[in-house]
Amino acid sequence: MRLSSATVGFLLGLALMLSACGEAGTTAAERPASATTKTAPSPPRAAAARSSCRQLRPFLGAMARLRDDLARGLSYDDYLREVQAVRSVYARVDARRLTAGCLLVSGGPAERALNLYIEATNTWGACLATVSCSTRSVEPELQRKWALAADHLASAQRGLRPS
């Protein structure tokens, strides 16, 4: 999945451009007013989009468990093991099978959450590797990263809910 903000921006722009095009490459402005009214997506297409995004559920579930375990308290070793477990679930996501909409509303926020959990791992590990570093000195930074990760995770989970 590995999306950069440029990729997400490109996909969003592409989605907006494609939504302005109609049949035979005409834009909404080039079609008669009666032809430009929006209709709900056909059930098979909507079902395909939900099905595409469904493969993110195990990844989001693994991060939700990590978030919940953090709230109860984890040692560095336990945290590291859980982040590695989340990464292994993430590695099984086939981004080629995700729709652009799924990537935008759930995939991007989920990946940002994972990156923040990984950054926190690196921050905590670097502190533990330094003799003069106290875990208390990096705790505010860890808490900030975990809170941001939880916000991104919540956003990704909202994107999976049927509208």
Protein backbone atom coordinates (compact mmCIF):
# COMPACT_ATOMS: atom_id res chain seq x y z
CA MET A 1 0.00 0.00 0.00
CA ARG A 2 2.81 2.48 0.86
CA LEU A 3 1.14 5.76 -0.13
CA SER A 4 2.83 9.11 -0.04
CA SER A 5 0.88 12.34 0.34
CA ALA A 6 1.66 13.05 -3.32
CA THR A 7 0.11 9.72 -4.32
CA VAL A 8 -3.01 10.41 -2.28
CA GLY A 9 -3.23 13.88 -3.83
CA PHE A 10 -2.82 12.44 -7.31
CA LEU A 11 -5.52 9.82 -6.69
CA LEU A 12 -7.90 12.44 -5.35
CA GLY A 13 -7.29 14.67 -8.37
CA LEU A 14 -7.74 11.72 -10.72
CA ALA A 15 -10.99 10.73 -9.02
CA LEU A 16 -12.30 14.28 -9.37
CA MET A 17 -11.33 14.45 -13.03
CA LEU A 18 -12.85 11.09 -13.84
CA SER A 19 -16.07 11.93 -12.07
CA ALA A 20 -16.44 14.96 -14.35
CA CYS A 21 -16.26 12.76 -17.44
CA GLY A 22 -19.25 10.93 -18.75
CA GLU A 23 -19.87 8.52 -21.54
CA ALA A 24 -17.89 9.03 -24.73
CA GLY A 25 -15.53 11.39 -22.88
CA THR A 26 -18.02 14.22 -22.54
CA THR A 27 -18.06 16.39 -19.47
CA ALA A 28 -21.14 17.26 -17.46
CA ALA A 29 -21.08 20.73 -19.02
CA GLU A 30 -21.28 19.24 -22.53
CA ARG A 31 -24.32 17.04 -21.80
CA PRO A 32 -27.90 18.23 -21.64
CA ALA A 33 -29.14 19.11 -18.14
CA SER A 34 -31.33 16.02 -18.02
CA ALA A 35 -28.26 13.83 -18.57
CA THR A 36 -26.20 15.39 -15.78
CA THR A 37 -28.37 14.37 -12.87
CA LYS A 38 -26.57 12.08 -10.51
CA THR A 39 -27.87 8.62 -9.86
CA ALA A 40 -26.85 6.32 -7.06
CA PRO A 41 -24.10 3.88 -7.97
CA SER A 42 -25.40 0.57 -9.15
CA PRO A 43 -25.54 -1.99 -6.36
CA PRO A 44 -22.89 -4.25 -7.95
CA ARG A 45 -20.43 -1.32 -8.18
CA ALA A 46 -21.10 -0.21 -4.59
CA ALA A 47 -20.74 -3.80 -3.41
CA ALA A 48 -17.44 -4.12 -5.29
CA ALA A 49 -16.11 -0.96 -3.60
CA ARG A 50 -17.07 -2.27 -0.14
CA SER A 51 -15.60 -5.66 -1.01
CA SER A 52 -12.36 -4.02 -2.11
CA CYS A 53 -12.05 -2.15 1.18
CA ARG A 54 -12.97 -5.20 3.24
CA GLN A 55 -9.41 -6.49 3.04
CA LEU A 56 -8.35 -3.55 5.24
CA ARG A 57 -10.42 -4.83 8.19
CA PRO A 58 -7.73 -7.19 9.60
CA PHE A 59 -5.12 -4.41 9.32
CA LEU A 60 -7.35 -1.88 11.08
CA GLY A 61 -8.33 -4.50 13.67
CA ALA A 62 -4.68 -5.19 14.47
CA MET A 63 -4.04 -1.47 14.96
CA ALA A 64 -7.16 -1.13 17.13
CA ARG A 65 -5.86 -3.93 19.37
CA LEU A 66 -2.48 -2.15 19.57
CA ARG A 67 -4.22 1.12 20.50
CA ASP A 68 -6.29 -0.63 23.18
CA ASP A 69 -3.24 -2.42 24.60
CA LEU A 70 -1.36 0.89 24.76
CA ALA A 71 -4.18 2.33 26.85
CA ARG A 72 -3.66 -0.52 29.35
CA GLY A 73 0.12 -0.12 29.28
CA LEU A 74 2.84 -2.03 27.44
CA SER A 75 6.54 -2.59 27.93
CA TYR A 76 8.79 -1.62 25.04
CA ASP A 77 9.33 -5.28 24.09
CA ASP A 78 5.58 -5.98 24.05
CA TYR A 79 4.95 -2.80 22.06
CA LEU A 80 7.64 -3.72 19.54
CA ARG A 81 6.13 -7.21 19.09
CA GLU A 82 2.67 -5.75 18.54
CA VAL A 83 3.90 -3.20 16.00
CA GLN A 84 5.72 -5.99 14.15
CA ALA A 85 2.49 -8.02 14.14
CA VAL A 86 0.58 -5.04 12.70
CA ARG A 87 3.26 -4.63 10.02
CA SER A 88 2.90 -8.28 9.02
CA VAL A 89 -0.88 -7.84 8.62
CA TYR A 90 -0.23 -4.66 6.62
CA ALA A 91 2.14 -6.55 4.32
CA ARG A 92 -0.73 -8.84 3.31
CA VAL A 93 -2.85 -5.94 2.02
CA ASP A 94 -2.89 -5.98 -1.79
CA ALA A 95 -3.16 -2.29 -2.68
CA ARG A 96 -3.76 -3.17 -6.34
CA ARG A 97 -7.13 -4.61 -5.34
CA LEU A 98 -8.24 -1.47 -3.49
CA THR A 99 -10.36 1.12 -5.24
CA ALA A 100 -9.18 4.72 -5.35
CA GLY A 101 -12.01 5.70 -3.04
CA CYS A 102 -11.02 3.06 -0.51
CA LEU A 103 -7.41 4.22 -0.65
CA LEU A 104 -8.46 7.80 -0.04
CA VAL A 105 -10.92 7.30 2.80
CA SER A 106 -9.34 4.37 4.62
CA GLY A 107 -6.02 3.26 3.16
CA GLY A 108 -4.22 6.59 3.49
CA PRO A 109 -5.29 7.29 7.09
CA ALA A 110 -4.52 3.68 8.08
CA GLU A 111 -1.04 3.90 6.63
CA ARG A 112 -0.40 7.23 8.38
CA ALA A 113 -1.46 5.62 11.67
CA LEU A 114 0.95 2.73 11.14
CA ASN A 115 3.78 5.13 10.30
CA LEU A 116 3.16 7.01 13.56
CA TYR A 117 3.22 3.77 15.56
CA ILE A 118 6.52 2.89 13.86
CA GLU A 119 7.94 6.37 14.54
CA ALA A 120 7.02 5.95 18.20
CA THR A 121 8.81 2.58 18.22
CA ASN A 122 11.93 4.24 16.84
CA THR A 123 11.74 7.13 19.32
CA TRP A 124 11.28 4.80 22.29
CA GLY A 125 14.01 2.41 21.09
CA ALA A 126 16.49 5.23 20.51
CA CYS A 127 15.88 6.46 24.04
CA LEU A 128 16.41 3.00 25.51
CA ALA A 129 19.67 2.69 23.57
CA THR A 130 20.99 5.93 25.09
CA VAL A 131 22.35 5.72 28.61
CA SER A 132 21.42 9.29 29.50
CA CYS A 133 17.85 9.08 28.18
CA SER A 134 14.98 8.60 30.57
CA THR A 135 11.77 7.07 29.23
CA ARG A 136 9.92 9.88 30.97
CA SER A 137 11.73 12.40 28.77
CA VAL A 138 10.27 10.91 25.56
CA GLU A 139 6.86 10.01 26.98
CA PRO A 140 5.18 13.27 25.83
CA GLU A 141 6.41 12.66 22.27
CA LEU A 142 5.24 9.04 22.37
CA GLN A 143 1.84 10.09 23.71
CA ARG A 144 1.50 12.69 20.94
CA LYS A 145 2.35 10.15 18.23
CA TRP A 146 0.01 7.56 19.69
CA ALA A 147 -2.82 10.10 19.91
CA LEU A 148 -2.29 11.14 16.28
CA ALA A 149 -2.17 7.48 15.23
CA ALA A 150 -5.44 6.84 17.07
CA ASP A 151 -7.04 9.80 15.24
CA HIS A 152 -5.90 8.47 11.85
CA LEU A 153 -7.10 4.98 12.78
CA ALA A 154 -10.54 6.36 13.71
CA SER A 155 -10.68 8.17 10.37
CA ALA A 156 -9.78 4.97 8.50
CA GLN A 157 -12.42 3.02 10.42
CA ARG A 158 -15.07 5.65 9.58
CA GLY A 159 -14.16 5.25 5.92
CA LEU A 160 -15.07 1.55 6.06
CA ARG A 161 -18.55 2.11 7.44
CA PRO A 162 -21.32 1.86 4.85
CA SER A 163 -22.84 5.23 4.07
